C-alpha cells in the first residue's frame, strides 16, 4: 500500500508521487505511544493526589511563563506601530521564537490543567 500525492510543476505538468506506507506501522506507533502515555498519566495522577497545591502552582507558573512570552512578542509588534496583527509575520526572528514558545507552553500547560481538573 502507498500514499499518492498529485503535484503540478511550474510548466503545468502533473506528477504523481507514491510513498510506501504500511498501515500496520501506524498501529504499532499508536501502541508504543500508549505504552509510554499510560504510565505517565498514572504518575501524574499519583503526583496530583500527593501534592495538588504544588502541581496547581506549577501549572499556573507555566501558564504565566507562556503568556508572558506571548505578550512580549506581541508588544514588540505593537511597539513597531501595528496595533492589530495575527501571527508572527511582522516579528523579528527572536520574537517569533518567543511567540511560538509562548503558544507551545500555554498549550501544554492548558492540557495539564485540563488533566489536573479531571484527576483532582
C-alpha atoms as a PDB file:
ATOM      1  CA  UNK A   1       0.000   0.000   0.000  1.00  0.00           C
ATOM      2  CA  UNK A   2       1.238   3.515  -0.697  1.00  0.00           C
ATOM      3  CA  UNK A   3       0.151   7.104  -0.305  1.00  0.00           C
ATOM      4  CA  UNK A   4      -0.078   9.133  -3.506  1.00  0.00           C
ATOM      5  CA  UNK A   5       0.320  12.877  -3.877  1.00  0.00           C
ATOM      6  CA  UNK A   6      -0.524  14.825  -7.011  1.00  0.00           C
ATOM      7  CA  UNK A   7       1.592  17.936  -7.707  1.00  0.00           C
ATOM      8  CA  UNK A   8       1.992  20.337 -10.611  1.00  0.00           C
ATOM      9  CA  UNK A   9       5.309  21.872 -11.541  1.00  0.00           C
ATOM     10  CA  UNK A  10       5.835  25.385 -12.962  1.00  0.00           C
ATOM     11  CA  UNK A  11       5.133  24.227 -16.501  1.00  0.00           C
ATOM     12  CA  UNK A  12       1.772  22.784 -15.521  1.00  0.00           C
ATOM     13  CA  UNK A  13       2.800  19.150 -15.838  1.00  0.00           C
ATOM     14  CA  UNK A  14       1.147  16.803 -13.354  1.00  0.00           C
ATOM     15  CA  UNK A  15       3.365  14.472 -11.351  1.00  0.00           C
ATOM     16  CA  UNK A  16       2.253  11.699  -9.034  1.00  0.00           C
ATOM     17  CA  UNK A  17       4.433  10.809  -6.077  1.00  0.00           C
ATOM     18  CA  UNK A  18       3.964   7.454  -4.398  1.00  0.00           C
ATOM     19  CA  UNK A  19       5.264   6.950  -0.882  1.00  0.00           C
ATOM     20  CA  UNK A  20       5.361   3.434   0.552  1.00  0.00           C
ATOM     21  CA  UNK A  21       3.062   3.239   3.542  1.00  0.00           C
ATOM     22  CA  UNK A  22       2.359   0.358   5.880  1.00  0.00           C
ATOM     23  CA  UNK A  23      -0.827   0.824   7.933  1.00  0.00           C
ATOM     24  CA  UNK A  24       0.353  -1.742  10.464  1.00  0.00           C
ATOM     25  CA  UNK A  25       3.218   0.598  11.339  1.00  0.00           C
ATOM     26  CA  UNK A  26       0.665   3.208  12.419  1.00  0.00           C
ATOM     27  CA  UNK A  27      -0.988   0.670  14.700  1.00  0.00           C
ATOM     28  CA  UNK A  28       2.407  -0.172  16.193  1.00  0.00           C
ATOM     29  CA  UNK A  29       3.192   3.528  16.741  1.00  0.00           C
ATOM     30  CA  UNK A  30      -0.154   4.062  18.468  1.00  0.00           C
ATOM     31  CA  UNK A  31       0.522   1.063  20.705  1.00  0.00           C
ATOM     32  CA  UNK A  32       4.016   2.262  21.605  1.00  0.00           C
ATOM     33  CA  UNK A  33       2.739   5.767  22.350  1.00  0.00           C
ATOM     34  CA  UNK A  34       0.046   4.369  24.612  1.00  0.00           C
ATOM     35  CA  UNK A  35       2.697   2.279  26.317  1.00  0.00           C
ATOM     36  CA  UNK A  36       4.519   5.476  27.203  1.00  0.00           C
ATOM     37  CA  UNK A  37       1.462   7.681  27.811  1.00  0.00           C
ATOM     38  CA  UNK A  38      -0.433   5.476  30.252  1.00  0.00           C
ATOM     39  CA  UNK A  39       2.394   5.166  32.825  1.00  0.00           C
ATOM     40  CA  UNK A  40       2.955   8.929  32.529  1.00  0.00           C
ATOM     41  CA  UNK A  41      -0.754   9.545  33.208  1.00  0.00           C
ATOM     42  CA  UNK A  42      -0.701   7.244  36.228  1.00  0.00           C
ATOM     43  CA  UNK A  43       2.416   9.005  37.546  1.00  0.00           C
ATOM     44  CA  UNK A  44       0.737  12.405  37.057  1.00  0.00           C
ATOM     45  CA  UNK A  45      -2.333  11.153  38.926  1.00  0.00           C
ATOM     46  CA  UNK A  46      -0.173   9.990  41.835  1.00  0.00           C
ATOM     47  CA  UNK A  47       1.640  13.335  41.997  1.00  0.00           C
ATOM     48  CA  UNK A  48      -1.671  15.212  41.947  1.00  0.00           C
ATOM     49  CA  UNK A  49      -3.046  13.081  44.793  1.00  0.00           C
ATOM     50  CA  UNK A  50       0.083  13.558  46.926  1.00  0.00           C
ATOM     51  CA  UNK A  51       0.569  17.311  46.412  1.00  0.00           C
ATOM     52  CA  UNK A  52      -2.201  19.008  44.434  1.00  0.00           C
ATOM     53  CA  UNK A  53      -1.181  22.515  45.515  1.00  0.00           C
ATOM     54  CA  UNK A  54       2.342  22.147  44.127  1.00  0.00           C
ATOM     55  CA  UNK A  55       1.021  20.782  40.840  1.00  0.00           C
ATOM     56  CA  UNK A  56      -1.514  23.611  40.553  1.00  0.00           C
ATOM     57  CA  UNK A  57       1.211  26.186  41.254  1.00  0.00           C
ATOM     58  CA  UNK A  58       3.498  24.605  38.646  1.00  0.00           C
ATOM     59  CA  UNK A  59       0.721  24.651  36.047  1.00  0.00           C
ATOM     60  CA  UNK A  60      -0.104  28.266  36.898  1.00  0.00           C
ATOM     61  CA  UNK A  61       3.564  29.212  36.625  1.00  0.00           C
ATOM     62  CA  UNK A  62       3.814  27.505  33.226  1.00  0.00           C
ATOM     63  CA  UNK A  63       0.719  29.365  32.020  1.00  0.00           C
ATOM     64  CA  UNK A  64       2.202  32.657  33.239  1.00  0.00           C
ATOM     65  CA  UNK A  65       5.533  31.991  31.518  1.00  0.00           C
ATOM     66  CA  UNK A  66       3.790  31.066  28.262  1.00  0.00           C
ATOM     67  CA  UNK A  67       1.523  34.101  28.332  1.00  0.00           C
ATOM     68  CA  UNK A  68       4.470  36.335  29.272  1.00  0.00           C
ATOM     69  CA  UNK A  69       6.492  35.121  26.275  1.00  0.00           C
ATOM     70  CA  UNK A  70       3.485  35.601  24.012  1.00  0.00           C
ATOM     71  CA  UNK A  71       2.845  39.102  25.402  1.00  0.00           C
ATOM     72  CA  UNK A  72       6.494  40.191  24.986  1.00  0.00           C
ATOM     73  CA  UNK A  73       6.416  39.071  21.354  1.00  0.00           C
ATOM     74  CA  UNK A  74       3.118  40.858  20.692  1.00  0.00           C
ATOM     75  CA  UNK A  75       4.297  44.016  22.433  1.00  0.00           C
ATOM     76  CA  UNK A  76       7.257  44.161  20.062  1.00  0.00           C
ATOM     77  CA  UNK A  77       4.820  44.372  17.140  1.00  0.00           C
ATOM     78  CA  UNK A  78       2.662  46.940  18.953  1.00  0.00           C
ATOM     79  CA  UNK A  79       5.778  48.967  19.730  1.00  0.00           C
ATOM     80  CA  UNK A  80       6.561  48.917  15.986  1.00  0.00           C
ATOM     81  CA  UNK A  81       3.264  50.679  15.259  1.00  0.00           C
ATOM     82  CA  UNK A  82       0.877  47.864  14.356  1.00  0.00           C
ATOM     83  CA  UNK A  83      -1.915  47.600  16.904  1.00  0.00           C
ATOM     84  CA  UNK A  84      -3.707  44.586  15.447  1.00  0.00           C
ATOM     85  CA  UNK A  85      -1.794  41.686  13.927  1.00  0.00           C
ATOM     86  CA  UNK A  86      -2.340  37.973  13.538  1.00  0.00           C
ATOM     87  CA  UNK A  87       0.527  35.533  13.615  1.00  0.00           C
ATOM     88  CA  UNK A  88       4.265  36.153  13.771  1.00  0.00           C
ATOM     89  CA  UNK A  89       4.578  37.679  10.276  1.00  0.00           C
ATOM     90  CA  UNK A  90       5.701  41.140  11.427  1.00  0.00           C
ATOM     91  CA  UNK A  91       8.060  39.918  14.157  1.00  0.00           C
ATOM     92  CA  UNK A  92      11.800  39.554  14.120  1.00  0.00           C
ATOM     93  CA  UNK A  93      13.259  36.057  14.363  1.00  0.00           C
ATOM     94  CA  UNK A  94      13.881  36.130  18.155  1.00  0.00           C
ATOM     95  CA  UNK A  95      10.356  37.443  18.750  1.00  0.00           C
ATOM     96  CA  UNK A  96       8.910  34.734  16.512  1.00  0.00           C
ATOM     97  CA  UNK A  97      10.647  32.175  18.675  1.00  0.00           C
ATOM     98  CA  UNK A  98       9.193  33.800  21.811  1.00  0.00           C
ATOM     99  CA  UNK A  99       5.762  33.785  20.177  1.00  0.00           C
ATOM    100  CA  UNK A 100       5.910  30.086  19.271  1.00  0.00           C
ATOM    101  CA  UNK A 101       7.470  29.191  22.637  1.00  0.00           C
ATOM    102  CA  UNK A 102       4.650  31.027  24.429  1.00  0.00           C
ATOM    103  CA  UNK A 103       1.967  29.223  22.466  1.00  0.00           C
ATOM    104  CA  UNK A 104       3.593  25.814  22.962  1.00  0.00           C
ATOM    105  CA  UNK A 105       3.998  26.341  26.715  1.00  0.00           C
ATOM    106  CA  UNK A 106       0.437  27.653  27.083  1.00  0.00           C
ATOM    107  CA  UNK A 107      -0.935  24.684  25.132  1.00  0.00           C
ATOM    108  CA  UNK A 108       0.985  22.145  27.217  1.00  0.00           C
ATOM    109  CA  UNK A 109       0.014  23.889  30.456  1.00  0.00           C
ATOM    110  CA  UNK A 110      -3.619  24.070  29.329  1.00  0.00           C
ATOM    111  CA  UNK A 111      -3.642  20.335  28.618  1.00  0.00           C
ATOM    112  CA  UNK A 112      -2.079  19.669  32.013  1.00  0.00           C
ATOM    113  CA  UNK A 113      -4.663  21.942  33.652  1.00  0.00           C
ATOM    114  CA  UNK A 114      -7.481  20.014  31.972  1.00  0.00           C
ATOM    115  CA  UNK A 115      -5.899  16.734  33.052  1.00  0.00           C
ATOM    116  CA  UNK A 116      -5.474  18.120  36.573  1.00  0.00           C
ATOM    117  CA  UNK A 117      -9.153  19.038  36.687  1.00  0.00           C
ATOM    118  CA  UNK A 118     -10.122  15.538  35.567  1.00  0.00           C
ATOM    119  CA  UNK A 119      -7.840  13.810  38.072  1.00  0.00           C
ATOM    120  CA  UNK A 120      -8.432  16.024  41.111  1.00  0.00           C
END
